[in-house]
């Protein structure tokens, strides 16, 4: 199902942005850039949760 793949891709995107932010913090990047990465992570994570809720409601009904 297309929605399953989309949920998986968004979760991988969350993991990628989280890893990039953590690596950036460890290397001492600009705090504004680190903050922007974490905002992206929260946004993508919210999208993943929304897609997951839609998927679960479709599977339930």
PDB file of N, CA and C in Angstrom:
ATOM      1  N   UNK A   1       0.844  -1.184   0.000  1.00  0.00           N
ATOM      2  CA  UNK A   1       0.000   0.000   0.000  1.00  0.00           C
ATOM      3  C   UNK A   1       0.885   1.241   0.000  1.00  0.00           C
ATOM      4  N   UNK A   2       0.461   2.236  -0.742  1.00  0.00           N
ATOM      5  CA  UNK A   2       1.230   3.467  -0.891  1.00  0.00           C
ATOM      6  C   UNK A   2       1.438   4.178   0.444  1.00  0.00           C
ATOM      7  N   UNK A   3       0.435   4.167   1.284  1.00  0.00           N
ATOM      8  CA  UNK A   3       0.520   4.865   2.566  1.00  0.00           C
ATOM      9  C   UNK A   3       1.556   4.221   3.485  1.00  0.00           C
ATOM     10  N   UNK A   4       1.696   2.897   3.414  1.00  0.00           N
ATOM     11  CA  UNK A   4       2.727   2.212   4.207  1.00  0.00           C
ATOM     12  C   UNK A   4       4.119   2.696   3.824  1.00  0.00           C
ATOM     13  N   UNK A   5       4.350   2.809   2.517  1.00  0.00           N
ATOM     14  CA  UNK A   5       5.653   3.265   2.038  1.00  0.00           C
ATOM     15  C   UNK A   5       5.895   4.710   2.454  1.00  0.00           C
ATOM     16  N   UNK A   6       4.868   5.534   2.367  1.00  0.00           N
ATOM     17  CA  UNK A   6       4.990   6.941   2.743  1.00  0.00           C
ATOM     18  C   UNK A   6       5.311   7.099   4.227  1.00  0.00           C
ATOM     19  N   UNK A   7       4.670   6.308   5.080  1.00  0.00           N
ATOM     20  CA  UNK A   7       4.967   6.352   6.518  1.00  0.00           C
ATOM     21  C   UNK A   7       6.420   5.931   6.753  1.00  0.00           C
ATOM     22  N   UNK A   8       6.843   4.862   6.091  1.00  0.00           N
ATOM     23  CA  UNK A   8       8.224   4.411   6.238  1.00  0.00           C
ATOM     24  C   UNK A   8       9.234   5.457   5.795  1.00  0.00           C
ATOM     25  N   UNK A   9       8.952   6.121   4.679  1.00  0.00           N
ATOM     26  CA  UNK A   9       9.870   7.153   4.191  1.00  0.00           C
ATOM     27  C   UNK A   9       9.935   8.353   5.132  1.00  0.00           C
ATOM     28  N   UNK A  10       8.798   8.746   5.685  1.00  0.00           N
ATOM     29  CA  UNK A  10       8.827   9.871   6.622  1.00  0.00           C
ATOM     30  C   UNK A  10       9.575   9.509   7.903  1.00  0.00           C
ATOM     31  N   UNK A  11       9.435   8.260   8.345  1.00  0.00           N
ATOM     32  CA  UNK A  11      10.182   7.845   9.532  1.00  0.00           C
ATOM     33  C   UNK A  11      11.679   7.818   9.256  1.00  0.00           C
ATOM     34  N   UNK A  12      12.064   7.390   8.053  1.00  0.00           N
ATOM     35  CA  UNK A  12      13.482   7.436   7.682  1.00  0.00           C
ATOM     36  C   UNK A  12      13.983   8.876   7.593  1.00  0.00           C
ATOM     37  N   UNK A  13      13.129   9.777   7.116  1.00  0.00           N
ATOM     38  CA  UNK A  13      13.504  11.186   7.049  1.00  0.00           C
ATOM     39  C   UNK A  13      13.707  11.763   8.449  1.00  0.00           C
ATOM     40  N   UNK A  14      12.843  11.385   9.385  1.00  0.00           N
ATOM     41  CA  UNK A  14      13.001  11.823  10.774  1.00  0.00           C
ATOM     42  C   UNK A  14      14.340  11.337  11.320  1.00  0.00           C
ATOM     43  N   UNK A  15      14.640  10.081  11.072  1.00  0.00           N
ATOM     44  CA  UNK A  15      15.903   9.517  11.548  1.00  0.00           C
ATOM     45  C   UNK A  15      17.098  10.229  10.926  1.00  0.00           C
ATOM     46  N   UNK A  16      17.007  10.527   9.637  1.00  0.00           N
ATOM     47  CA  UNK A  16      18.098  11.218   8.955  1.00  0.00           C
ATOM     48  C   UNK A  16      18.329  12.617   9.478  1.00  0.00           C
ATOM     49  N   UNK A  17      17.256  13.372   9.673  1.00  0.00           N
ATOM     50  CA  UNK A  17      17.394  14.740  10.184  1.00  0.00           C
ATOM     51  C   UNK A  17      17.896  14.717  11.624  1.00  0.00           C
ATOM     52  N   UNK A  18      17.408  13.763  12.409  1.00  0.00           N
ATOM     53  CA  UNK A  18      17.877  13.638  13.789  1.00  0.00           C
ATOM     54  C   UNK A  18      19.365  13.328  13.828  1.00  0.00           C
ATOM     55  N   UNK A  19      19.810  12.403  12.992  1.00  0.00           N
ATOM     56  CA  UNK A  19      21.230  12.050  12.940  1.00  0.00           C
ATOM     57  C   UNK A  19      22.068  13.240  12.491  1.00  0.00           C
ATOM     58  N   UNK A  20      21.593  13.968  11.480  1.00  0.00           N
ATOM     59  CA  UNK A  20      22.331  15.144  11.009  1.00  0.00           C
ATOM     60  C   UNK A  20      22.441  16.195  12.108  1.00  0.00           C
ATOM     61  N   UNK A  21      21.371  16.385  12.857  1.00  0.00           N
ATOM     62  CA  UNK A  21      21.411  17.350  13.953  1.00  0.00           C
ATOM     63  C   UNK A  21      22.349  16.937  15.063  1.00  0.00           C
ATOM     64  N   UNK A  22      22.331  15.656  15.401  1.00  0.00           N
ATOM     65  CA  UNK A  22      23.214  15.178  16.470  1.00  0.00           C
ATOM     66  C   UNK A  22      24.682  15.238  16.052  1.00  0.00           C
ATOM     67  N   UNK A  23      24.954  14.886  14.815  1.00  0.00           N
ATOM     68  CA  UNK A  23      26.331  14.972  14.317  1.00  0.00           C
ATOM     69  C   UNK A  23      26.782  16.428  14.281  1.00  0.00           C
ATOM     70  N   UNK A  24      25.875  17.301  13.874  1.00  0.00           N
ATOM     71  CA  UNK A  24      26.206  18.719  13.846  1.00  0.00           C
ATOM     72  C   UNK A  24      26.505  19.274  15.224  1.00  0.00           C
ATOM     73  N   UNK A  25      25.735  18.866  16.204  1.00  0.00           N
ATOM     74  CA  UNK A  25      25.977  19.324  17.575  1.00  0.00           C
ATOM     75  C   UNK A  25      27.324  18.799  18.072  1.00  0.00           C
ATOM     76  N   UNK A  26      27.633  17.552  17.763  1.00  0.00           N
ATOM     77  CA  UNK A  26      28.900  16.971  18.192  1.00  0.00           C
ATOM     78  C   UNK A  26      30.084  17.677  17.540  1.00  0.00           C
ATOM     79  N   UNK A  27      29.898  18.144  16.320  1.00  0.00           N
ATOM     80  CA  UNK A  27      30.978  18.840  15.609  1.00  0.00           C
ATOM     81  C   UNK A  27      31.012  20.326  15.915  1.00  0.00           C
ATOM     82  N   UNK A  28      29.994  20.821  16.579  1.00  0.00           N
ATOM     83  CA  UNK A  28      29.973  22.225  16.982  1.00  0.00           C
ATOM     84  C   UNK A  28      29.524  23.173  15.883  1.00  0.00           C
ATOM     85  N   UNK A  29      28.470  22.802  15.141  1.00  0.00           N
ATOM     86  CA  UNK A  29      27.973  23.708  14.107  1.00  0.00           C
ATOM     87  C   UNK A  29      27.251  24.890  14.747  1.00  0.00           C
ATOM     88  N   UNK A  30      26.902  25.821  13.925  1.00  0.00           N
ATOM     89  CA  UNK A  30      26.197  27.017  14.354  1.00  0.00           C
ATOM     90  C   UNK A  30      24.896  26.628  15.066  1.00  0.00           C
ATOM     91  N   UNK A  31      24.644  27.166  16.251  1.00  0.00           N
ATOM     92  CA  UNK A  31      23.419  26.817  16.981  1.00  0.00           C
ATOM     93  C   UNK A  31      22.141  27.108  16.194  1.00  0.00           C
ATOM     94  N   UNK A  32      22.134  28.136  15.370  1.00  0.00           N
ATOM     95  CA  UNK A  32      20.938  28.445  14.574  1.00  0.00           C
ATOM     96  C   UNK A  32      20.668  27.327  13.564  1.00  0.00           C
ATOM     97  N   UNK A  33      21.724  26.777  12.983  1.00  0.00           N
ATOM     98  CA  UNK A  33      21.569  25.685  12.030  1.00  0.00           C
ATOM     99  C   UNK A  33      21.081  24.423  12.746  1.00  0.00           C
ATOM    100  N   UNK A  34      21.617  24.174  13.917  1.00  0.00           N
ATOM    101  CA  UNK A  34      21.181  23.025  14.711  1.00  0.00           C
ATOM    102  C   UNK A  34      19.711  23.167  15.100  1.00  0.00           C
ATOM    103  N   UNK A  35      19.321  24.370  15.473  1.00  0.00           N
ATOM    104  CA  UNK A  35      17.924  24.630  15.843  1.00  0.00           C
ATOM    105  C   UNK A  35      17.004  24.427  14.639  1.00  0.00           C
ATOM    106  N   UNK A  36      17.448  24.856  13.471  1.00  0.00           N
ATOM    107  CA  UNK A  36      16.643  24.677  12.258  1.00  0.00           C
ATOM    108  C   UNK A  36      16.468  23.190  11.945  1.00  0.00           C
ATOM    109  N   UNK A  37      17.525  22.406  12.124  1.00  0.00           N
ATOM    110  CA  UNK A  37      17.429  20.966  11.887  1.00  0.00           C
ATOM    111  C   UNK A  37      16.438  20.324  12.855  1.00  0.00           C
ATOM    112  N   UNK A  38      16.457  20.732  14.093  1.00  0.00           N
ATOM    113  CA  UNK A  38      15.529  20.147  15.066  1.00  0.00           C
ATOM    114  C   UNK A  38      14.085  20.574  14.788  1.00  0.00           C
ATOM    115  N   UNK A  39      13.897  21.789  14.278  1.00  0.00           N
ATOM    116  CA  UNK A  39      12.540  22.197  13.886  1.00  0.00           C
ATOM    117  C   UNK A  39      12.046  21.366  12.709  1.00  0.00           C
ATOM    118  N   UNK A  40      12.934  21.086  11.759  1.00  0.00           N
ATOM    119  CA  UNK A  40      12.579  20.215  10.644  1.00  0.00           C
ATOM    120  C   UNK A  40      12.207  18.829  11.149  1.00  0.00           C
ATOM    121  N   UNK A  41      12.971  18.339  12.124  1.00  0.00           N
ATOM    122  CA  UNK A  41      12.690  17.014  12.671  1.00  0.00           C
ATOM    123  C   UNK A  41      11.298  16.961  13.289  1.00  0.00           C
ATOM    124  N   UNK A  42      10.964  17.969  14.052  1.00  0.00           N
ATOM    125  CA  UNK A  42       9.646  18.003  14.701  1.00  0.00           C
ATOM    126  C   UNK A  42       8.538  18.083  13.657  1.00  0.00           C
ATOM    127  N   UNK A  43       8.746  18.870  12.618  1.00  0.00           N
ATOM    128  CA  UNK A  43       7.738  18.999  11.563  1.00  0.00           C
ATOM    129  C   UNK A  43       7.537  17.680  10.825  1.00  0.00           C
ATOM    130  N   UNK A  44       8.635  17.046  10.438  1.00  0.00           N
ATOM    131  CA  UNK A  44       8.535  15.776   9.726  1.00  0.00           C
ATOM    132  C   UNK A  44       7.953  14.697  10.639  1.00  0.00           C
ATOM    133  N   UNK A  45       8.326  14.728  11.893  1.00  0.00           N
ATOM    134  CA  UNK A  45       7.799  13.754  12.846  1.00  0.00           C
ATOM    135  C   UNK A  45       6.286  13.929  13.013  1.00  0.00           C
ATOM    136  N   UNK A  46       5.822  15.151  13.044  1.00  0.00           N
ATOM    137  CA  UNK A  46       4.388  15.397  13.114  1.00  0.00           C
ATOM    138  C   UNK A  46       3.671  14.865  11.883  1.00  0.00           C
ATOM    139  N   UNK A  47       4.282  15.059  10.718  1.00  0.00           N
ATOM    140  CA  UNK A  47       3.708  14.514   9.492  1.00  0.00           C
ATOM    141  C   UNK A  47       3.655  12.998   9.514  1.00  0.00           C
ATOM    142  N   UNK A  48       4.701  12.382  10.044  1.00  0.00           N
ATOM    143  CA  UNK A  48       4.726  10.918  10.142  1.00  0.00           C
ATOM    144  C   UNK A  48       3.622  10.425  11.074  1.00  0.00           C
ATOM    145  N   UNK A  49       3.425  11.106  12.167  1.00  0.00           N
ATOM    146  CA  UNK A  49       2.358  10.714  13.089  1.00  0.00           C
ATOM    147  C   UNK A  49       0.984  10.883  12.457  1.00  0.00           C
ATOM    148  N   UNK A  50       0.800  11.964  11.726  1.00  0.00           N
ATOM    149  CA  UNK A  50      -0.470  12.187  11.044  1.00  0.00           C
ATOM    150  C   UNK A  50      -0.740  11.083  10.018  1.00  0.00           C
ATOM    151  N   UNK A  51       0.278  10.740   9.235  1.00  0.00           N
ATOM    152  CA  UNK A  51       0.124   9.660   8.259  1.00  0.00           C
ATOM    153  C   UNK A  51      -0.168   8.330   8.942  1.00  0.00           C
ATOM    154  N   UNK A  52       0.468   8.100  10.067  1.00  0.00           N
ATOM    155  CA  UNK A  52       0.237   6.858  10.799  1.00  0.00           C
ATOM    156  C   UNK A  52      -1.192   6.780  11.324  1.00  0.00           C
ATOM    157  N   UNK A  53      -1.721   7.899  11.801  1.00  0.00           N
ATOM    158  CA  UNK A  53      -3.103   7.935  12.275  1.00  0.00           C
ATOM    159  C   UNK A  53      -4.064   7.676  11.109  1.00  0.00           C
ATOM    160  N   UNK A  54      -3.794   8.279   9.958  1.00  0.00           N
ATOM    161  CA  UNK A  54      -4.638   8.044   8.786  1.00  0.00           C
ATOM    162  C   UNK A  54      -4.573   6.581   8.381  1.00  0.00           C
ATOM    163  N   UNK A  55      -3.380   6.005   8.372  1.00  0.00           N
ATOM    164  CA  UNK A  55      -3.220   4.601   8.015  1.00  0.00           C
ATOM    165  C   UNK A  55      -3.983   3.697   8.973  1.00  0.00           C
ATOM    166  N   UNK A  56      -3.860   3.965  10.251  1.00  0.00           N
ATOM    167  CA  UNK A  56      -4.564   3.123  11.246  1.00  0.00           C
ATOM    168  C   UNK A  56      -6.081   3.260  11.120  1.00  0.00           C
ATOM    169  N   UNK A  57      -6.562   4.471  10.832  1.00  0.00           N
ATOM    170  CA  UNK A  57      -8.011   4.636  10.680  1.00  0.00           C
ATOM    171  C   UNK A  57      -8.521   3.939   9.424  1.00  0.00           C
ATOM    172  N   UNK A  58      -7.725   3.912   8.371  1.00  0.00           N
ATOM    173  CA  UNK A  58      -8.117   3.206   7.156  1.00  0.00           C
ATOM    174  C   UNK A  58      -8.116   1.698   7.377  1.00  0.00           C
ATOM    175  N   UNK A  59      -7.139   1.211   8.112  1.00  0.00           N
ATOM    176  CA  UNK A  59      -7.070  -0.232   8.375  1.00  0.00           C
ATOM    177  C   UNK A  59      -8.182  -0.679   9.325  1.00  0.00           C
ATOM    178  N   UNK A  60      -8.593   0.192  10.211  1.00  0.00           N
ATOM    179  CA  UNK A  60      -9.632  -0.132  11.179  1.00  0.00           C
ATOM    180  C   UNK A  60     -11.008  -0.202  10.519  1.00  0.00           C
ATOM    181  N   UNK A  61     -11.221   0.708   9.580  1.00  0.00           N
ATOM    182  CA  UNK A  61     -12.541   0.815   8.945  1.00  0.00           C
ATOM    183  C   UNK A  61     -12.660  -0.091   7.805  1.00  0.00           C
TER     184      UNK A  61
END
